Amino acid sequence: MFLAKVRGTVVSTSKDERLVGFKLLIIQRIDIDENFVGIPEVAVDTVGAGNGAVVIVTKGSSARFAAARKDSPIDSTIVGIVDSTEVAR
């Protein structure tokens, strides 16, 4: 799992039938200071996150399991919305 920030939404009227009903969001990984890291990617939203939200993301088979669709083409799933973080320095 990792932290990411929601950067936008994806609208897709034509997609794999196993993705129908899922909200798709553009996310980008963040570091501990909330700086963007890496490239943006698309994730399935299972928790109702919105633009600008810091979220917890899981990938791979865990992402499919979290979305309750083990046979779907899902690689990233948002599984939590972060209220706050605390880091010892």
N, C-alpha and C. Protein backbone atom coordinates (compact mmCIF):
# COMPACT_ATOMS: atom_id res chain seq x y z
N MET A 1 0.85 -1.18 0.00
CA MET A 1 0.00 0.00 0.00
C MET A 1 0.89 1.24 0.00
N PHE A 2 0.31 2.31 -0.51
CA PHE A 2 1.03 3.57 -0.52
C PHE A 2 0.03 4.72 -0.46
N LEU A 3 0.56 5.92 -0.18
CA LEU A 3 -0.26 7.12 -0.16
C LEU A 3 -0.20 7.80 -1.52
N ALA A 4 -1.32 8.36 -1.92
CA ALA A 4 -1.40 9.08 -3.19
C ALA A 4 -2.38 10.23 -3.03
N LYS A 5 -2.37 11.12 -3.99
CA LYS A 5 -3.33 12.21 -4.02
C LYS A 5 -4.16 12.08 -5.29
N VAL A 6 -5.46 12.30 -5.15
CA VAL A 6 -6.35 12.24 -6.31
C VAL A 6 -6.14 13.51 -7.12
N ARG A 7 -5.84 13.33 -8.42
CA ARG A 7 -5.56 14.46 -9.31
C ARG A 7 -6.71 14.74 -10.26
N GLY A 8 -7.62 13.77 -10.46
CA GLY A 8 -8.72 13.99 -11.38
C GLY A 8 -9.55 12.73 -11.56
N THR A 9 -10.46 12.81 -12.50
CA THR A 9 -11.36 11.69 -12.77
C THR A 9 -11.18 11.20 -14.21
N VAL A 10 -11.64 9.98 -14.45
CA VAL A 10 -11.62 9.40 -15.78
C VAL A 10 -13.05 9.04 -16.15
N VAL A 11 -13.49 9.48 -17.32
CA VAL A 11 -14.80 9.10 -17.84
C VAL A 11 -14.55 8.21 -19.04
N SER A 12 -15.11 7.00 -18.99
CA SER A 12 -14.91 6.04 -20.05
C SER A 12 -16.24 5.37 -20.36
N THR A 13 -16.82 5.74 -21.48
CA THR A 13 -18.12 5.15 -21.84
C THR A 13 -17.97 3.78 -22.46
N SER A 14 -16.79 3.48 -22.97
CA SER A 14 -16.52 2.17 -23.55
C SER A 14 -15.36 1.55 -22.78
N LYS A 15 -15.66 0.47 -22.05
CA LYS A 15 -14.62 -0.18 -21.24
C LYS A 15 -14.97 -1.64 -21.03
N ASP A 16 -14.03 -2.39 -20.52
CA ASP A 16 -14.23 -3.79 -20.19
C ASP A 16 -15.47 -3.90 -19.29
N GLU A 17 -16.33 -4.85 -19.58
CA GLU A 17 -17.58 -4.98 -18.82
C GLU A 17 -17.36 -5.23 -17.34
N ARG A 18 -16.19 -5.75 -16.96
CA ARG A 18 -15.89 -6.00 -15.55
C ARG A 18 -15.54 -4.72 -14.79
N LEU A 19 -15.43 -3.61 -15.52
CA LEU A 19 -15.18 -2.31 -14.88
C LEU A 19 -16.43 -1.45 -14.78
N VAL A 20 -17.51 -1.91 -15.37
CA VAL A 20 -18.76 -1.15 -15.34
C VAL A 20 -19.21 -0.97 -13.89
N GLY A 21 -19.59 0.26 -13.55
CA GLY A 21 -20.05 0.57 -12.20
C GLY A 21 -18.97 1.11 -11.29
N PHE A 22 -17.72 1.03 -11.71
CA PHE A 22 -16.63 1.55 -10.89
C PHE A 22 -16.33 3.01 -11.24
N LYS A 23 -16.06 3.80 -10.23
CA LYS A 23 -15.58 5.17 -10.42
C LYS A 23 -14.06 5.08 -10.61
N LEU A 24 -13.54 5.70 -11.66
CA LEU A 24 -12.12 5.67 -11.95
C LEU A 24 -11.52 7.04 -11.68
N LEU A 25 -10.42 7.07 -10.94
CA LEU A 25 -9.77 8.32 -10.59
C LEU A 25 -8.31 8.31 -11.01
N ILE A 26 -7.79 9.49 -11.33
CA ILE A 26 -6.36 9.65 -11.61
C ILE A 26 -5.69 9.97 -10.28
N ILE A 27 -4.71 9.14 -9.93
CA ILE A 27 -3.98 9.34 -8.67
C ILE A 27 -2.50 9.47 -8.98
N GLN A 28 -1.78 10.06 -8.03
CA GLN A 28 -0.33 10.11 -8.14
C GLN A 28 0.26 9.91 -6.75
N ARG A 29 1.21 9.01 -6.69
CA ARG A 29 1.91 8.71 -5.44
C ARG A 29 2.50 9.98 -4.84
N ILE A 30 2.53 10.06 -3.49
CA ILE A 30 3.15 11.20 -2.81
C ILE A 30 4.17 10.69 -1.80
N ASP A 31 5.13 11.57 -1.48
CA ASP A 31 6.08 11.24 -0.44
C ASP A 31 5.55 11.75 0.90
N ILE A 32 6.34 11.65 1.94
CA ILE A 32 5.91 12.00 3.29
C ILE A 32 5.56 13.48 3.44
N ASP A 33 6.12 14.32 2.55
CA ASP A 33 5.83 15.75 2.58
C ASP A 33 4.75 16.14 1.57
N GLU A 34 4.07 15.14 1.02
CA GLU A 34 3.00 15.30 0.04
C GLU A 34 3.46 15.87 -1.30
N ASN A 35 4.75 15.65 -1.63
CA ASN A 35 5.26 15.98 -2.96
C ASN A 35 4.95 14.81 -3.89
N PHE A 36 4.58 15.11 -5.13
CA PHE A 36 4.27 14.06 -6.09
C PHE A 36 5.52 13.28 -6.47
N VAL A 37 5.35 11.97 -6.59
CA VAL A 37 6.44 11.05 -6.95
C VAL A 37 5.94 10.17 -8.09
N GLY A 38 6.78 9.94 -9.08
CA GLY A 38 6.40 9.05 -10.17
C GLY A 38 5.37 9.66 -11.11
N ILE A 39 4.72 8.79 -11.84
CA ILE A 39 3.76 9.24 -12.85
C ILE A 39 2.33 8.95 -12.38
N PRO A 40 1.36 9.73 -12.84
CA PRO A 40 -0.03 9.47 -12.47
C PRO A 40 -0.50 8.13 -13.03
N GLU A 41 -1.51 7.54 -12.39
CA GLU A 41 -2.11 6.31 -12.88
C GLU A 41 -3.60 6.32 -12.55
N VAL A 42 -4.32 5.38 -13.13
CA VAL A 42 -5.76 5.26 -12.91
C VAL A 42 -6.01 4.21 -11.84
N ALA A 43 -6.92 4.52 -10.91
CA ALA A 43 -7.28 3.58 -9.85
C ALA A 43 -8.79 3.51 -9.71
N VAL A 44 -9.27 2.35 -9.31
CA VAL A 44 -10.68 2.18 -8.99
C VAL A 44 -10.91 2.75 -7.59
N ASP A 45 -12.00 3.51 -7.44
CA ASP A 45 -12.33 4.12 -6.14
C ASP A 45 -13.43 3.30 -5.47
N THR A 46 -13.12 2.74 -4.30
CA THR A 46 -14.13 1.97 -3.56
C THR A 46 -14.62 2.70 -2.32
N VAL A 47 -14.13 3.94 -2.09
CA VAL A 47 -14.46 4.63 -0.85
C VAL A 47 -15.07 6.02 -1.03
N GLY A 48 -15.24 6.47 -2.27
CA GLY A 48 -15.85 7.77 -2.50
C GLY A 48 -14.91 8.95 -2.36
N ALA A 49 -13.67 8.77 -2.77
CA ALA A 49 -12.68 9.85 -2.69
C ALA A 49 -12.98 10.93 -3.73
N GLY A 50 -12.49 12.13 -3.47
CA GLY A 50 -12.69 13.23 -4.40
C GLY A 50 -11.38 13.89 -4.78
N ASN A 51 -11.44 14.82 -5.71
CA ASN A 51 -10.24 15.53 -6.16
C ASN A 51 -9.51 16.17 -4.98
N GLY A 52 -8.19 15.99 -4.95
CA GLY A 52 -7.37 16.57 -3.91
C GLY A 52 -7.24 15.74 -2.66
N ALA A 53 -8.01 14.68 -2.53
CA ALA A 53 -7.95 13.84 -1.33
C ALA A 53 -6.66 13.03 -1.30
N VAL A 54 -6.10 12.87 -0.10
CA VAL A 54 -4.99 11.96 0.10
C VAL A 54 -5.61 10.60 0.40
N VAL A 55 -5.17 9.58 -0.32
CA VAL A 55 -5.80 8.26 -0.23
C VAL A 55 -4.77 7.16 -0.02
N ILE A 56 -5.27 6.01 0.44
CA ILE A 56 -4.47 4.80 0.58
C ILE A 56 -4.80 3.91 -0.61
N VAL A 57 -3.75 3.45 -1.28
CA VAL A 57 -3.93 2.67 -2.51
C VAL A 57 -3.25 1.31 -2.35
N THR A 58 -3.92 0.29 -2.85
CA THR A 58 -3.32 -1.05 -2.90
C THR A 58 -3.23 -1.47 -4.36
N LYS A 59 -2.28 -2.34 -4.66
CA LYS A 59 -2.04 -2.73 -6.06
C LYS A 59 -2.06 -4.25 -6.22
N GLY A 60 -2.10 -4.67 -7.48
CA GLY A 60 -2.01 -6.08 -7.83
C GLY A 60 -3.22 -6.88 -7.42
N SER A 61 -3.00 -8.13 -7.01
CA SER A 61 -4.11 -9.01 -6.66
C SER A 61 -4.89 -8.46 -5.46
N SER A 62 -4.22 -7.76 -4.57
CA SER A 62 -4.92 -7.12 -3.44
C SER A 62 -5.91 -6.08 -3.93
N ALA A 63 -5.58 -5.39 -5.01
CA ALA A 63 -6.48 -4.38 -5.57
C ALA A 63 -7.74 -5.03 -6.11
N ARG A 64 -7.60 -6.14 -6.77
CA ARG A 64 -8.78 -6.85 -7.28
C ARG A 64 -9.63 -7.40 -6.14
N PHE A 65 -8.99 -7.92 -5.11
CA PHE A 65 -9.70 -8.45 -3.95
C PHE A 65 -10.45 -7.32 -3.24
N ALA A 66 -9.80 -6.16 -3.07
CA ALA A 66 -10.43 -5.03 -2.38
C ALA A 66 -11.66 -4.53 -3.13
N ALA A 67 -11.64 -4.63 -4.44
CA ALA A 67 -12.77 -4.20 -5.26
C ALA A 67 -13.81 -5.30 -5.42
N ALA A 68 -13.58 -6.45 -4.80
CA ALA A 68 -14.49 -7.60 -4.86
C ALA A 68 -14.73 -8.09 -6.28
N ARG A 69 -13.70 -7.99 -7.11
CA ARG A 69 -13.78 -8.49 -8.49
C ARG A 69 -12.46 -9.17 -8.84
N LYS A 70 -12.28 -10.38 -8.36
CA LYS A 70 -10.99 -11.05 -8.53
C LYS A 70 -10.64 -11.37 -9.97
N ASP A 71 -11.61 -11.36 -10.87
CA ASP A 71 -11.34 -11.67 -12.27
C ASP A 71 -11.31 -10.42 -13.15
N SER A 72 -11.26 -9.25 -12.56
CA SER A 72 -11.30 -8.00 -13.33
C SER A 72 -9.89 -7.47 -13.64
N PRO A 73 -9.79 -6.60 -14.63
CA PRO A 73 -8.49 -6.04 -15.01
C PRO A 73 -8.10 -4.83 -14.16
N ILE A 74 -8.19 -4.98 -12.85
CA ILE A 74 -7.87 -3.89 -11.91
C ILE A 74 -6.47 -4.09 -11.38
N ASP A 75 -5.67 -3.01 -11.41
CA ASP A 75 -4.31 -3.08 -10.87
C ASP A 75 -4.13 -2.17 -9.66
N SER A 76 -4.96 -1.13 -9.52
CA SER A 76 -4.85 -0.20 -8.39
C SER A 76 -6.25 0.11 -7.86
N THR A 77 -6.40 0.03 -6.53
CA THR A 77 -7.68 0.34 -5.90
C THR A 77 -7.46 1.27 -4.71
N ILE A 78 -8.29 2.30 -4.63
CA ILE A 78 -8.27 3.20 -3.48
C ILE A 78 -9.08 2.53 -2.39
N VAL A 79 -8.45 2.30 -1.22
CA VAL A 79 -9.10 1.58 -0.13
C VAL A 79 -9.31 2.43 1.11
N GLY A 80 -8.85 3.67 1.10
CA GLY A 80 -9.04 4.53 2.26
C GLY A 80 -8.80 5.99 1.93
N ILE A 81 -9.46 6.86 2.68
CA ILE A 81 -9.23 8.31 2.59
C ILE A 81 -8.52 8.72 3.86
N VAL A 82 -7.39 9.40 3.73
CA VAL A 82 -6.57 9.77 4.88
C VAL A 82 -7.09 11.06 5.51
N ASP A 83 -7.34 11.00 6.81
CA ASP A 83 -7.75 12.19 7.55
C ASP A 83 -6.52 12.98 8.01
N SER A 84 -5.51 12.26 8.50
CA SER A 84 -4.28 12.91 8.92
C SER A 84 -3.17 11.87 9.00
N THR A 85 -1.95 12.36 9.02
CA THR A 85 -0.79 11.49 9.20
C THR A 85 0.10 12.10 10.28
N GLU A 86 0.88 11.27 10.93
CA GLU A 86 1.83 11.73 11.94
C GLU A 86 3.12 10.98 11.71
N VAL A 87 4.21 11.71 11.50
CA VAL A 87 5.49 11.10 11.21
C VAL A 87 6.52 11.60 12.20
N ALA A 88 7.21 10.68 12.86
CA ALA A 88 8.30 11.06 13.78
C ALA A 88 9.53 11.40 12.95
N ARG A 89 10.17 12.48 13.28
CA ARG A 89 11.38 12.88 12.56
C ARG A 89 12.55 12.99 13.49
